[in-house]
Amino acid sequence: MSVCEKHGKASERLVAFEGTDTGRRFLACAEPEGQNCGFVEWVDHQWPPTMQNALLKLWAMVEDSKSAR
């Protein structure tokens, strides 16, 4: 497990839920917002371009449905 270099603490395991990174796992600084140093290390490889395009279209559909409400 990676350690946040600034704080010397174990990183937090998270999953991205926006844009072309949706579903990708990553490690991040576990400090709360405002104290967080911004450390991020991706666990999963970047999605192939076809998957990224599909995710962009899906997120556009989500935004369209929000604005239609």
PDB file of N, CA and C in Angstrom:
ATOM      1  N   MET A   1       0.844  -1.180   0.000  1.00  0.00           N
ATOM      2  CA  MET A   1       0.000   0.000   0.000  1.00  0.00           C
ATOM      3  C   MET A   1       0.889   1.243   0.000  1.00  0.00           C
ATOM      4  N   SER A   2       0.511   2.222  -0.759  1.00  0.00           N
ATOM      5  CA  SER A   2       1.272   3.470  -0.847  1.00  0.00           C
ATOM      6  C   SER A   2       1.003   4.357   0.356  1.00  0.00           C
ATOM      7  N   VAL A   3       1.999   5.166   0.660  1.00  0.00           N
ATOM      8  CA  VAL A   3       1.908   6.088   1.779  1.00  0.00           C
ATOM      9  C   VAL A   3       1.944   7.514   1.238  1.00  0.00           C
ATOM     10  N   CYS A   4       1.098   8.371   1.782  1.00  0.00           N
ATOM     11  CA  CYS A   4       1.121   9.789   1.440  1.00  0.00           C
ATOM     12  C   CYS A   4       2.438  10.346   1.965  1.00  0.00           C
ATOM     13  N   GLU A   5       3.283  10.857   1.072  1.00  0.00           N
ATOM     14  CA  GLU A   5       4.613  11.316   1.466  1.00  0.00           C
ATOM     15  C   GLU A   5       4.565  12.521   2.395  1.00  0.00           C
ATOM     16  N   LYS A   6       3.625  13.422   2.195  1.00  0.00           N
ATOM     17  CA  LYS A   6       3.552  14.633   3.017  1.00  0.00           C
ATOM     18  C   LYS A   6       3.130  14.316   4.453  1.00  0.00           C
ATOM     19  N   HIS A   7       2.133  13.430   4.604  1.00  0.00           N
ATOM     20  CA  HIS A   7       1.592  13.143   5.927  1.00  0.00           C
ATOM     21  C   HIS A   7       2.156  11.864   6.538  1.00  0.00           C
ATOM     22  N   GLY A   8       2.774  11.010   5.728  1.00  0.00           N
ATOM     23  CA  GLY A   8       3.343   9.761   6.222  1.00  0.00           C
ATOM     24  C   GLY A   8       2.307   8.753   6.676  1.00  0.00           C
ATOM     25  N   LYS A   9       1.077   8.896   6.187  1.00  0.00           N
ATOM     26  CA  LYS A   9      -0.009   7.991   6.557  1.00  0.00           C
ATOM     27  C   LYS A   9      -0.390   7.109   5.379  1.00  0.00           C
ATOM     28  N   ALA A  10      -0.987   5.966   5.702  1.00  0.00           N
ATOM     29  CA  ALA A  10      -1.474   5.073   4.650  1.00  0.00           C
ATOM     30  C   ALA A  10      -2.531   5.788   3.822  1.00  0.00           C
ATOM     31  N   SER A  11      -2.513   5.541   2.526  1.00  0.00           N
ATOM     32  CA  SER A  11      -3.482   6.173   1.640  1.00  0.00           C
ATOM     33  C   SER A  11      -4.835   5.480   1.742  1.00  0.00           C
ATOM     34  N   GLU A  12      -5.860   6.191   1.278  1.00  0.00           N
ATOM     35  CA  GLU A  12      -7.223   5.686   1.279  1.00  0.00           C
ATOM     36  C   GLU A  12      -7.529   5.084  -0.089  1.00  0.00           C
ATOM     37  N   ARG A  13      -8.207   3.934  -0.118  1.00  0.00           N
ATOM     38  CA  ARG A  13      -8.582   3.309  -1.387  1.00  0.00           C
ATOM     39  C   ARG A  13      -9.949   3.824  -1.813  1.00  0.00           C
ATOM     40  N   LEU A  14     -10.040   4.310  -3.053  1.00  0.00           N
ATOM     41  CA  LEU A  14     -11.276   4.899  -3.562  1.00  0.00           C
ATOM     42  C   LEU A  14     -11.549   4.425  -4.984  1.00  0.00           C
ATOM     43  N   VAL A  15     -12.755   4.718  -5.468  1.00  0.00           N
ATOM     44  CA  VAL A  15     -13.147   4.417  -6.843  1.00  0.00           C
ATOM     45  C   VAL A  15     -13.682   5.703  -7.466  1.00  0.00           C
ATOM     46  N   ALA A  16     -13.229   6.017  -8.673  1.00  0.00           N
ATOM     47  CA  ALA A  16     -13.685   7.221  -9.378  1.00  0.00           C
ATOM     48  C   ALA A  16     -15.118   7.024  -9.872  1.00  0.00           C
ATOM     49  N   PHE A  17     -15.916   8.069  -9.758  1.00  0.00           N
ATOM     50  CA  PHE A  17     -17.309   7.993 -10.195  1.00  0.00           C
ATOM     51  C   PHE A  17     -17.714   9.161 -11.074  1.00  0.00           C
ATOM     52  N   GLU A  18     -16.771   9.678 -11.873  1.00  0.00           N
ATOM     53  CA  GLU A  18     -17.104  10.751 -12.804  1.00  0.00           C
ATOM     54  C   GLU A  18     -16.223  10.667 -14.035  1.00  0.00           C
ATOM     55  N   GLY A  19     -16.795  11.075 -15.144  1.00  0.00           N
ATOM     56  CA  GLY A  19     -16.039  11.205 -16.389  1.00  0.00           C
ATOM     57  C   GLY A  19     -15.429   9.920 -16.904  1.00  0.00           C
ATOM     58  N   THR A  20     -14.333  10.066 -17.619  1.00  0.00           N
ATOM     59  CA  THR A  20     -13.708   8.916 -18.281  1.00  0.00           C
ATOM     60  C   THR A  20     -12.976   7.994 -17.314  1.00  0.00           C
ATOM     61  N   ASP A  21     -12.865   8.375 -16.055  1.00  0.00           N
ATOM     62  CA  ASP A  21     -12.205   7.523 -15.065  1.00  0.00           C
ATOM     63  C   ASP A  21     -13.190   6.703 -14.241  1.00  0.00           C
ATOM     64  N   THR A  22     -14.485   6.795 -14.535  1.00  0.00           N
ATOM     65  CA  THR A  22     -15.510   6.065 -13.791  1.00  0.00           C
ATOM     66  C   THR A  22     -15.145   4.590 -13.665  1.00  0.00           C
ATOM     67  N   GLY A  23     -15.168   4.095 -12.436  1.00  0.00           N
ATOM     68  CA  GLY A  23     -14.891   2.688 -12.189  1.00  0.00           C
ATOM     69  C   GLY A  23     -13.435   2.356 -11.921  1.00  0.00           C
ATOM     70  N   ARG A  24     -12.543   3.291 -12.195  1.00  0.00           N
ATOM     71  CA  ARG A  24     -11.118   3.036 -11.942  1.00  0.00           C
ATOM     72  C   ARG A  24     -10.814   3.221 -10.459  1.00  0.00           C
ATOM     73  N   ARG A  25     -10.011   2.305  -9.912  1.00  0.00           N
ATOM     74  CA  ARG A  25      -9.615   2.396  -8.514  1.00  0.00           C
ATOM     75  C   ARG A  25      -8.355   3.244  -8.379  1.00  0.00           C
ATOM     76  N   PHE A  26      -8.262   3.959  -7.252  1.00  0.00           N
ATOM     77  CA  PHE A  26      -7.068   4.760  -7.003  1.00  0.00           C
ATOM     78  C   PHE A  26      -6.823   4.895  -5.505  1.00  0.00           C
ATOM     79  N   LEU A  27      -5.613   5.278  -5.160  1.00  0.00           N
ATOM     80  CA  LEU A  27      -5.224   5.553  -3.786  1.00  0.00           C
ATOM     81  C   LEU A  27      -5.095   7.055  -3.648  1.00  0.00           C
ATOM     82  N   ALA A  28      -5.510   7.599  -2.508  1.00  0.00           N
ATOM     83  CA  ALA A  28      -5.471   9.046  -2.314  1.00  0.00           C
ATOM     84  C   ALA A  28      -5.118   9.375  -0.867  1.00  0.00           C
ATOM     85  N   CYS A  29      -4.663  10.594  -0.660  1.00  0.00           N
ATOM     86  CA  CYS A  29      -4.373  11.098   0.688  1.00  0.00           C
ATOM     87  C   CYS A  29      -5.637  10.942   1.535  1.00  0.00           C
ATOM     88  N   ALA A  30      -5.484  10.390   2.744  1.00  0.00           N
ATOM     89  CA  ALA A  30      -6.627  10.109   3.610  1.00  0.00           C
ATOM     90  C   ALA A  30      -7.012  11.289   4.500  1.00  0.00           C
ATOM     91  N   GLU A  31      -6.274  12.371   4.425  1.00  0.00           N
ATOM     92  CA  GLU A  31      -6.600  13.540   5.238  1.00  0.00           C
ATOM     93  C   GLU A  31      -7.902  14.182   4.736  1.00  0.00           C
ATOM     94  N   PRO A  32      -8.656  14.822   5.631  1.00  0.00           N
ATOM     95  CA  PRO A  32      -9.913  15.467   5.216  1.00  0.00           C
ATOM     96  C   PRO A  32      -9.674  16.645   4.274  1.00  0.00           C
ATOM     97  N   GLU A  33     -10.737  17.019   3.572  1.00  0.00           N
ATOM     98  CA  GLU A  33     -10.653  18.145   2.639  1.00  0.00           C
ATOM     99  C   GLU A  33     -10.162  19.393   3.371  1.00  0.00           C
ATOM    100  N   GLY A  34      -9.276  20.124   2.738  1.00  0.00           N
ATOM    101  CA  GLY A  34      -8.676  21.296   3.354  1.00  0.00           C
ATOM    102  C   GLY A  34      -7.291  21.004   3.905  1.00  0.00           C
ATOM    103  N   GLN A  35      -7.076  19.759   4.345  1.00  0.00           N
ATOM    104  CA  GLN A  35      -5.765  19.324   4.827  1.00  0.00           C
ATOM    105  C   GLN A  35      -5.131  18.331   3.869  1.00  0.00           C
ATOM    106  N   ASN A  36      -5.919  17.886   2.895  1.00  0.00           N
ATOM    107  CA  ASN A  36      -5.499  16.892   1.923  1.00  0.00           C
ATOM    108  C   ASN A  36      -4.411  17.471   1.024  1.00  0.00           C
ATOM    109  N   CYS A  37      -3.336  16.707   0.790  1.00  0.00           N
ATOM    110  CA  CYS A  37      -2.215  17.203  -0.017  1.00  0.00           C
ATOM    111  C   CYS A  37      -2.403  16.949  -1.514  1.00  0.00           C
ATOM    112  N   GLY A  38      -3.428  16.170  -1.885  1.00  0.00           N
ATOM    113  CA  GLY A  38      -3.688  15.917  -3.291  1.00  0.00           C
ATOM    114  C   GLY A  38      -3.007  14.676  -3.842  1.00  0.00           C
ATOM    115  N   PHE A  39      -2.386  13.871  -2.972  1.00  0.00           N
ATOM    116  CA  PHE A  39      -1.730  12.637  -3.426  1.00  0.00           C
ATOM    117  C   PHE A  39      -2.754  11.714  -4.078  1.00  0.00           C
ATOM    118  N   VAL A  40      -2.460  11.255  -5.297  1.00  0.00           N
ATOM    119  CA  VAL A  40      -3.294  10.294  -6.025  1.00  0.00           C
ATOM    120  C   VAL A  40      -2.386   9.339  -6.770  1.00  0.00           C
ATOM    121  N   GLU A  41      -2.687   8.051  -6.663  1.00  0.00           N
ATOM    122  CA  GLU A  41      -1.960   7.024  -7.412  1.00  0.00           C
ATOM    123  C   GLU A  41      -2.986   6.043  -7.963  1.00  0.00           C
ATOM    124  N   TRP A  42      -3.055   5.939  -9.281  1.00  0.00           N
ATOM    125  CA  TRP A  42      -4.029   5.051  -9.911  1.00  0.00           C
ATOM    126  C   TRP A  42      -3.616   3.603  -9.725  1.00  0.00           C
ATOM    127  N   VAL A  43      -4.584   2.751  -9.359  1.00  0.00           N
ATOM    128  CA  VAL A  43      -4.360   1.309  -9.228  1.00  0.00           C
ATOM    129  C   VAL A  43      -4.619   0.645 -10.581  1.00  0.00           C
ATOM    130  N   ASP A  44      -5.695   1.062 -11.234  1.00  0.00           N
ATOM    131  CA  ASP A  44      -6.084   0.486 -12.526  1.00  0.00           C
ATOM    132  C   ASP A  44      -5.490   1.288 -13.678  1.00  0.00           C
ATOM    133  N   HIS A  45      -5.217   0.585 -14.763  1.00  0.00           N
ATOM    134  CA  HIS A  45      -4.741   1.250 -15.979  1.00  0.00           C
ATOM    135  C   HIS A  45      -5.864   2.109 -16.549  1.00  0.00           C
ATOM    136  N   GLN A  46      -5.476   3.080 -17.364  1.00  0.00           N
ATOM    137  CA  GLN A  46      -6.458   3.946 -18.022  1.00  0.00           C
ATOM    138  C   GLN A  46      -7.318   3.090 -18.960  1.00  0.00           C
ATOM    139  N   TRP A  47      -8.616   3.422 -19.040  1.00  0.00           N
ATOM    140  CA  TRP A  47      -9.528   2.694 -19.931  1.00  0.00           C
ATOM    141  C   TRP A  47      -9.112   2.908 -21.383  1.00  0.00           C
ATOM    142  N   PRO A  48      -9.397   1.922 -22.258  1.00  0.00           N
ATOM    143  CA  PRO A  48      -9.129   2.112 -23.692  1.00  0.00           C
ATOM    144  C   PRO A  48     -10.015   3.235 -24.249  1.00  0.00           C
ATOM    145  N   PRO A  49      -9.601   3.854 -25.348  1.00  0.00           N
ATOM    146  CA  PRO A  49     -10.360   4.977 -25.922  1.00  0.00           C
ATOM    147  C   PRO A  49     -11.839   4.675 -26.174  1.00  0.00           C
ATOM    148  N   THR A  50     -12.170   3.458 -26.611  1.00  0.00           N
ATOM    149  CA  THR A  50     -13.582   3.143 -26.866  1.00  0.00           C
ATOM    150  C   THR A  50     -14.400   3.188 -25.577  1.00  0.00           C
ATOM    151  N   MET A  51     -13.816   2.711 -24.488  1.00  0.00           N
ATOM    152  CA  MET A  51     -14.500   2.756 -23.184  1.00  0.00           C
ATOM    153  C   MET A  51     -14.625   4.202 -22.710  1.00  0.00           C
ATOM    154  N   GLN A  52     -13.592   5.012 -22.889  1.00  0.00           N
ATOM    155  CA  GLN A  52     -13.637   6.413 -22.499  1.00  0.00           C
ATOM    156  C   GLN A  52     -14.750   7.145 -23.257  1.00  0.00           C
ATOM    157  N   ASN A  53     -14.875   6.875 -24.558  1.00  0.00           N
ATOM    158  CA  ASN A  53     -15.943   7.501 -25.358  1.00  0.00           C
ATOM    159  C   ASN A  53     -17.327   7.095 -24.856  1.00  0.00           C
ATOM    160  N   ALA A  54     -17.481   5.812 -24.521  1.00  0.00           N
ATOM    161  CA  ALA A  54     -18.763   5.334 -24.006  1.00  0.00           C
ATOM    162  C   ALA A  54     -19.095   6.013 -22.683  1.00  0.00           C
ATOM    163  N   LEU A  55     -18.101   6.150 -21.820  1.00  0.00           N
ATOM    164  CA  LEU A  55     -18.324   6.814 -20.529  1.00  0.00           C
ATOM    165  C   LEU A  55     -18.687   8.282 -20.717  1.00  0.00           C
ATOM    166  N   LEU A  56     -18.026   8.948 -21.653  1.00  0.00           N
ATOM    167  CA  LEU A  56     -18.368  10.352 -21.927  1.00  0.00           C
ATOM    168  C   LEU A  56     -19.811  10.494 -22.382  1.00  0.00           C
ATOM    169  N   LYS A  57     -20.259   9.591 -23.242  1.00  0.00           N
ATOM    170  CA  LYS A  57     -21.643   9.633 -23.726  1.00  0.00           C
ATOM    171  C   LYS A  57     -22.624   9.374 -22.586  1.00  0.00           C
ATOM    172  N   LEU A  58     -22.298   8.402 -21.720  1.00  0.00           N
ATOM    173  CA  LEU A  58     -23.177   8.119 -20.589  1.00  0.00           C
ATOM    174  C   LEU A  58     -23.274   9.299 -19.629  1.00  0.00           C
ATOM    175  N   TRP A  59     -22.141   9.937 -19.346  1.00  0.00           N
ATOM    176  CA  TRP A  59     -22.167  11.096 -18.454  1.00  0.00           C
ATOM    177  C   TRP A  59     -22.923  12.262 -19.091  1.00  0.00           C
ATOM    178  N   ALA A  60     -22.835  12.408 -20.402  1.00  0.00           N
ATOM    179  CA  ALA A  60     -23.604  13.455 -21.090  1.00  0.00           C
ATOM    180  C   ALA A  60     -25.103  13.176 -20.947  1.00  0.00           C
ATOM    181  N   MET A  61     -25.484  11.902 -21.022  1.00  0.00           N
ATOM    182  CA  MET A  61     -26.887  11.528 -20.843  1.00  0.00           C
ATOM    183  C   MET A  61     -27.357  11.841 -19.419  1.00  0.00           C
ATOM    184  N   VAL A  62     -26.503  11.599 -18.439  1.00  0.00           N
ATOM    185  CA  VAL A  62     -26.835  11.899 -17.049  1.00  0.00           C
ATOM    186  C   VAL A  62     -27.058  13.399 -16.883  1.00  0.00           C
ATOM    187  N   GLU A  63     -26.150  14.190 -17.424  1.00  0.00           N
ATOM    188  CA  GLU A  63     -26.277  15.651 -17.318  1.00  0.00           C
ATOM    189  C   GLU A  63     -27.529  16.160 -18.032  1.00  0.00           C
ATOM    190  N   ASP A  64     -27.837  15.583 -19.184  1.00  0.00           N
ATOM    191  CA  ASP A  64     -29.050  15.968 -19.910  1.00  0.00           C
ATOM    192  C   ASP A  64     -30.302  15.660 -19.095  1.00  0.00           C
ATOM    193  N   SER A  65     -30.321  14.493 -18.451  1.00  0.00           N
ATOM    194  CA  SER A  65     -31.507  14.131 -17.659  1.00  0.00           C
ATOM    195  C   SER A  65     -31.639  15.024 -16.437  1.00  0.00           C
ATOM    196  N   LYS A  66     -30.513  15.457 -15.859  1.00  0.00           N
ATOM    197  CA  LYS A  66     -30.574  16.385 -14.725  1.00  0.00           C
ATOM    198  C   LYS A  66     -31.149  17.742 -15.141  1.00  0.00           C
ATOM    199  N   SER A  67     -30.716  18.230 -16.298  1.00  0.00           N
ATOM    200  CA  SER A  67     -31.189  19.548 -16.752  1.00  0.00           C
ATOM    201  C   SER A  67     -32.640  19.501 -17.226  1.00  0.00           C
ATOM    202  N   ALA A  68     -33.122  18.324 -17.599  1.00  0.00           N
ATOM    203  CA  ALA A  68     -34.501  18.179 -18.054  1.00  0.00           C
ATOM    204  C   ALA A  68     -35.479  18.181 -16.878  1.00  0.00           C
ATOM    205  N   ARG A  69     -34.998  17.967 -15.687  1.00  0.00           N
ATOM    206  CA  ARG A  69     -35.873  17.914 -14.501  1.00  0.00           C
ATOM    207  C   ARG A  69     -36.313  19.243 -14.053  1.00  0.00           C
TER     208      ARG A  69
END
